């Protein structure tokens, strides 16, 4: 059984998309953060790499 933390997944209908077709950096970062909580550890390296690529400063 997988339990998701208090953070709910981003709603794809309200995610911001850039004119080049890529997901907005903030939305991508939030999505990757949520995926890291539910994906098996074997995927964590790739998710971390993607997260570092899109990291945003608040």
PDB file of N, CA and C in Angstrom:
ATOM      1  N   UNK A   1       0.842  -1.183   0.000  1.00  0.00           N
ATOM      2  CA  UNK A   1       0.000   0.000   0.000  1.00  0.00           C
ATOM      3  C   UNK A   1       0.882   1.238   0.000  1.00  0.00           C
ATOM      4  N   UNK A   2       0.572   2.164  -0.872  1.00  0.00           N
ATOM      5  CA  UNK A   2       1.327   3.416  -0.967  1.00  0.00           C
ATOM      6  C   UNK A   2       0.490   4.525  -0.345  1.00  0.00           C
ATOM      7  N   UNK A   3       1.107   5.276   0.542  1.00  0.00           N
ATOM      8  CA  UNK A   3       0.437   6.409   1.172  1.00  0.00           C
ATOM      9  C   UNK A   3       1.122   7.676   0.687  1.00  0.00           C
ATOM     10  N   UNK A   4       0.337   8.583   0.146  1.00  0.00           N
ATOM     11  CA  UNK A   4       0.879   9.849  -0.349  1.00  0.00           C
ATOM     12  C   UNK A   4       0.826  10.872   0.771  1.00  0.00           C
ATOM     13  N   UNK A   5       1.886  11.639   0.893  1.00  0.00           N
ATOM     14  CA  UNK A   5       1.974  12.671   1.923  1.00  0.00           C
ATOM     15  C   UNK A   5       0.870  13.707   1.731  1.00  0.00           C
ATOM     16  N   UNK A   6       0.806  14.650   2.638  1.00  0.00           N
ATOM     17  CA  UNK A   6      -0.239  15.670   2.618  1.00  0.00           C
ATOM     18  C   UNK A   6      -0.286  16.446   1.306  1.00  0.00           C
ATOM     19  N   UNK A   7       0.841  16.550   0.626  1.00  0.00           N
ATOM     20  CA  UNK A   7       0.862  17.274  -0.647  1.00  0.00           C
ATOM     21  C   UNK A   7       0.065  16.491  -1.679  1.00  0.00           C
ATOM     22  N   UNK A   8      -0.858  17.169  -2.330  1.00  0.00           N
ATOM     23  CA  UNK A   8      -1.632  16.492  -3.364  1.00  0.00           C
ATOM     24  C   UNK A   8      -0.957  16.713  -4.715  1.00  0.00           C
ATOM     25  N   UNK A   9      -1.140  15.786  -5.646  1.00  0.00           N
ATOM     26  CA  UNK A   9      -0.485  15.934  -6.939  1.00  0.00           C
ATOM     27  C   UNK A   9      -0.995  17.166  -7.675  1.00  0.00           C
ATOM     28  N   UNK A  10      -0.132  17.777  -8.464  1.00  0.00           N
ATOM     29  CA  UNK A  10      -0.570  18.941  -9.238  1.00  0.00           C
ATOM     30  C   UNK A  10      -1.688  18.550 -10.197  1.00  0.00           C
ATOM     31  N   UNK A  11      -2.631  19.419 -10.358  1.00  0.00           N
ATOM     32  CA  UNK A  11      -3.726  19.189 -11.300  1.00  0.00           C
ATOM     33  C   UNK A  11      -3.224  19.553 -12.692  1.00  0.00           C
ATOM     34  N   UNK A  12      -3.155  18.589 -13.629  1.00  0.00           N
ATOM     35  CA  UNK A  12      -2.611  18.889 -14.952  1.00  0.00           C
ATOM     36  C   UNK A  12      -3.394  19.958 -15.702  1.00  0.00           C
ATOM     37  N   UNK A  13      -4.641  20.190 -15.300  1.00  0.00           N
ATOM     38  CA  UNK A  13      -5.432  21.221 -15.982  1.00  0.00           C
ATOM     39  C   UNK A  13      -4.994  22.626 -15.607  1.00  0.00           C
ATOM     40  N   UNK A  14      -4.283  22.763 -14.474  1.00  0.00           N
ATOM     41  CA  UNK A  14      -3.857  24.094 -14.055  1.00  0.00           C
ATOM     42  C   UNK A  14      -2.342  24.269 -14.119  1.00  0.00           C
ATOM     43  N   UNK A  15      -1.641  23.251 -14.589  1.00  0.00           N
ATOM     44  CA  UNK A  15      -0.189  23.373 -14.742  1.00  0.00           C
ATOM     45  C   UNK A  15       0.107  24.358 -15.874  1.00  0.00           C
ATOM     46  N   UNK A  16       1.197  25.070 -15.717  1.00  0.00           N
ATOM     47  CA  UNK A  16       1.582  26.064 -16.710  1.00  0.00           C
ATOM     48  C   UNK A  16       2.545  25.445 -17.722  1.00  0.00           C
ATOM     49  N   UNK A  17       2.246  25.643 -18.979  1.00  0.00           N
ATOM     50  CA  UNK A  17       3.095  25.124 -20.051  1.00  0.00           C
ATOM     51  C   UNK A  17       3.747  26.294 -20.775  1.00  0.00           C
ATOM     52  N   UNK A  18       5.009  26.143 -21.102  1.00  0.00           N
ATOM     53  CA  UNK A  18       5.740  27.185 -21.809  1.00  0.00           C
ATOM     54  C   UNK A  18       5.405  27.115 -23.294  1.00  0.00           C
ATOM     55  N   UNK A  19       5.739  28.162 -24.023  1.00  0.00           N
ATOM     56  CA  UNK A  19       5.446  28.198 -25.456  1.00  0.00           C
ATOM     57  C   UNK A  19       6.204  27.121 -26.227  1.00  0.00           C
ATOM     58  N   UNK A  20       7.314  26.616 -25.666  1.00  0.00           N
ATOM     59  CA  UNK A  20       8.072  25.560 -26.339  1.00  0.00           C
ATOM     60  C   UNK A  20       7.510  24.171 -26.031  1.00  0.00           C
ATOM     61  N   UNK A  21       6.406  24.094 -25.301  1.00  0.00           N
ATOM     62  CA  UNK A  21       5.762  22.824 -25.003  1.00  0.00           C
ATOM     63  C   UNK A  21       6.247  22.149 -23.738  1.00  0.00           C
ATOM     64  N   UNK A  22       7.213  22.748 -23.046  1.00  0.00           N
ATOM     65  CA  UNK A  22       7.715  22.162 -21.808  1.00  0.00           C
ATOM     66  C   UNK A  22       6.908  22.678 -20.623  1.00  0.00           C
ATOM     67  N   UNK A  23       6.885  21.869 -19.589  1.00  0.00           N
ATOM     68  CA  UNK A  23       6.188  22.232 -18.363  1.00  0.00           C
ATOM     69  C   UNK A  23       6.952  23.343 -17.649  1.00  0.00           C
ATOM     70  N   UNK A  24       6.227  24.275 -17.085  1.00  0.00           N
ATOM     71  CA  UNK A  24       6.832  25.362 -16.317  1.00  0.00           C
ATOM     72  C   UNK A  24       7.749  24.786 -15.247  1.00  0.00           C
ATOM     73  N   UNK A  25       8.858  25.454 -14.987  1.00  0.00           N
ATOM     74  CA  UNK A  25       9.867  24.944 -14.046  1.00  0.00           C
ATOM     75  C   UNK A  25       9.302  24.668 -12.662  1.00  0.00           C
ATOM     76  N   UNK A  26       8.475  25.544 -12.167  1.00  0.00           N
ATOM     77  CA  UNK A  26       7.892  25.363 -10.823  1.00  0.00           C
ATOM     78  C   UNK A  26       6.990  24.129 -10.801  1.00  0.00           C
ATOM     79  N   UNK A  27       6.127  23.991 -11.809  1.00  0.00           N
ATOM     80  CA  UNK A  27       5.229  22.838 -11.856  1.00  0.00           C
ATOM     81  C   UNK A  27       6.008  21.538 -12.038  1.00  0.00           C
ATOM     82  N   UNK A  28       7.058  21.560 -12.849  1.00  0.00           N
ATOM     83  CA  UNK A  28       7.889  20.374 -13.036  1.00  0.00           C
ATOM     84  C   UNK A  28       8.576  19.995 -11.727  1.00  0.00           C
ATOM     85  N   UNK A  29       9.094  20.980 -11.022  1.00  0.00           N
ATOM     86  CA  UNK A  29       9.746  20.732  -9.736  1.00  0.00           C
ATOM     87  C   UNK A  29       8.761  20.106  -8.743  1.00  0.00           C
ATOM     88  N   UNK A  30       7.547  20.664  -8.662  1.00  0.00           N
ATOM     89  CA  UNK A  30       6.524  20.134  -7.753  1.00  0.00           C
ATOM     90  C   UNK A  30       6.133  18.705  -8.130  1.00  0.00           C
ATOM     91  N   UNK A  31       5.986  18.445  -9.418  1.00  0.00           N
ATOM     92  CA  UNK A  31       5.631  17.111  -9.882  1.00  0.00           C
ATOM     93  C   UNK A  31       6.725  16.102  -9.543  1.00  0.00           C
ATOM     94  N   UNK A  32       7.971  16.462  -9.778  1.00  0.00           N
ATOM     95  CA  UNK A  32       9.087  15.564  -9.463  1.00  0.00           C
ATOM     96  C   UNK A  32       9.179  15.292  -7.964  1.00  0.00           C
ATOM     97  N   UNK A  33       8.938  16.307  -7.158  1.00  0.00           N
ATOM     98  CA  UNK A  33       8.971  16.146  -5.699  1.00  0.00           C
ATOM     99  C   UNK A  33       7.923  15.128  -5.260  1.00  0.00           C
ATOM    100  N   UNK A  34       6.737  15.205  -5.825  1.00  0.00           N
ATOM    101  CA  UNK A  34       5.677  14.262  -5.478  1.00  0.00           C
ATOM    102  C   UNK A  34       6.018  12.863  -5.983  1.00  0.00           C
ATOM    103  N   UNK A  35       6.557  12.776  -7.189  1.00  0.00           N
ATOM    104  CA  UNK A  35       6.933  11.463  -7.724  1.00  0.00           C
ATOM    105  C   UNK A  35       7.987  10.783  -6.861  1.00  0.00           C
ATOM    106  N   UNK A  36       8.897  11.567  -6.300  1.00  0.00           N
ATOM    107  CA  UNK A  36       9.941  10.987  -5.457  1.00  0.00           C
ATOM    108  C   UNK A  36       9.354  10.334  -4.206  1.00  0.00           C
ATOM    109  N   UNK A  37       8.185  10.772  -3.781  1.00  0.00           N
ATOM    110  CA  UNK A  37       7.577  10.184  -2.587  1.00  0.00           C
ATOM    111  C   UNK A  37       6.846   8.884  -2.882  1.00  0.00           C
ATOM    112  N   UNK A  38       6.472   8.653  -4.142  1.00  0.00           N
ATOM    113  CA  UNK A  38       5.687   7.460  -4.469  1.00  0.00           C
ATOM    114  C   UNK A  38       6.424   6.453  -5.346  1.00  0.00           C
ATOM    115  N   UNK A  39       7.482   6.866  -5.991  1.00  0.00           N
ATOM    116  CA  UNK A  39       8.233   5.958  -6.858  1.00  0.00           C
ATOM    117  C   UNK A  39       9.196   5.107  -6.042  1.00  0.00           C
ATOM    118  N   UNK A  40       9.507   3.915  -6.527  1.00  0.00           N
ATOM    119  CA  UNK A  40      10.479   3.071  -5.823  1.00  0.00           C
ATOM    120  C   UNK A  40      11.873   3.691  -5.857  1.00  0.00           C
ATOM    121  N   UNK A  41      12.706   3.337  -4.897  1.00  0.00           N
ATOM    122  CA  UNK A  41      14.055   3.919  -4.808  1.00  0.00           C
ATOM    123  C   UNK A  41      14.888   3.768  -6.081  1.00  0.00           C
ATOM    124  N   UNK A  42      14.625   2.745  -6.865  1.00  0.00           N
ATOM    125  CA  UNK A  42      15.409   2.544  -8.084  1.00  0.00           C
ATOM    126  C   UNK A  42      15.269   3.727  -9.054  1.00  0.00           C
ATOM    127  N   UNK A  43      14.178   4.465  -8.959  1.00  0.00           N
ATOM    128  CA  UNK A  43      13.955   5.612  -9.841  1.00  0.00           C
ATOM    129  C   UNK A  43      14.445   6.929  -9.236  1.00  0.00           C
ATOM    130  N   UNK A  44      14.853   6.903  -7.995  1.00  0.00           N
ATOM    131  CA  UNK A  44      15.187   8.148  -7.307  1.00  0.00           C
ATOM    132  C   UNK A  44      16.374   8.878  -7.927  1.00  0.00           C
ATOM    133  N   UNK A  45      17.361   8.151  -8.448  1.00  0.00           N
ATOM    134  CA  UNK A  45      18.510   8.820  -9.072  1.00  0.00           C
ATOM    135  C   UNK A  45      18.075   9.655 -10.273  1.00  0.00           C
ATOM    136  N   UNK A  46      17.234   9.077 -11.117  1.00  0.00           N
ATOM    137  CA  UNK A  46      16.776   9.800 -12.306  1.00  0.00           C
ATOM    138  C   UNK A  46      15.890  10.980 -11.914  1.00  0.00           C
ATOM    139  N   UNK A  47      15.012  10.785 -10.946  1.00  0.00           N
ATOM    140  CA  UNK A  47      14.163  11.886 -10.501  1.00  0.00           C
ATOM    141  C   UNK A  47      14.998  12.994  -9.867  1.00  0.00           C
ATOM    142  N   UNK A  48      16.026  12.625  -9.124  1.00  0.00           N
ATOM    143  CA  UNK A  48      16.913  13.626  -8.524  1.00  0.00           C
ATOM    144  C   UNK A  48      17.652  14.406  -9.602  1.00  0.00           C
ATOM    145  N   UNK A  49      18.093  13.699 -10.639  1.00  0.00           N
ATOM    146  CA  UNK A  49      18.790  14.364 -11.744  1.00  0.00           C
ATOM    147  C   UNK A  49      17.858  15.362 -12.432  1.00  0.00           C
ATOM    148  N   UNK A  50      16.640  14.936 -12.692  1.00  0.00           N
ATOM    149  CA  UNK A  50      15.678  15.838 -13.320  1.00  0.00           C
ATOM    150  C   UNK A  50      15.342  17.008 -12.401  1.00  0.00           C
ATOM    151  N   UNK A  51      15.229  16.733 -11.106  1.00  0.00           N
ATOM    152  CA  UNK A  51      14.938  17.792 -10.143  1.00  0.00           C
ATOM    153  C   UNK A  51      16.045  18.822 -10.081  1.00  0.00           C
ATOM    154  N   UNK A  52      17.294  18.367 -10.161  1.00  0.00           N
ATOM    155  CA  UNK A  52      18.425  19.297 -10.140  1.00  0.00           C
ATOM    156  C   UNK A  52      18.439  20.148 -11.401  1.00  0.00           C
ATOM    157  N   UNK A  53      18.035  19.561 -12.505  1.00  0.00           N
ATOM    158  CA  UNK A  53      18.013  20.277 -13.778  1.00  0.00           C
ATOM    159  C   UNK A  53      16.974  21.398 -13.762  1.00  0.00           C
ATOM    160  N   UNK A  54      15.876  21.173 -13.063  1.00  0.00           N
ATOM    161  CA  UNK A  54      14.797  22.162 -13.090  1.00  0.00           C
ATOM    162  C   UNK A  54      14.662  22.916 -11.780  1.00  0.00           C
ATOM    163  N   UNK A  55      15.622  22.756 -10.858  1.00  0.00           N
ATOM    164  CA  UNK A  55      15.476  23.389  -9.545  1.00  0.00           C
ATOM    165  C   UNK A  55      15.225  24.883  -9.688  1.00  0.00           C
ATOM    166  N   UNK A  56      14.361  25.366  -8.831  1.00  0.00           N
ATOM    167  CA  UNK A  56      13.971  26.771  -8.865  1.00  0.00           C
ATOM    168  C   UNK A  56      14.325  27.418  -7.547  1.00  0.00           C
ATOM    169  N   UNK A  57      14.605  28.673  -7.597  1.00  0.00           N
ATOM    170  CA  UNK A  57      14.864  29.403  -6.356  1.00  0.00           C
ATOM    171  C   UNK A  57      13.628  30.208  -6.012  1.00  0.00           C
ATOM    172  N   UNK A  58      13.224  30.125  -4.770  1.00  0.00           N
ATOM    173  CA  UNK A  58      12.017  30.834  -4.332  1.00  0.00           C
ATOM    174  C   UNK A  58      12.393  32.114  -3.648  1.00  0.00           C
TER     175      UNK A  58
END
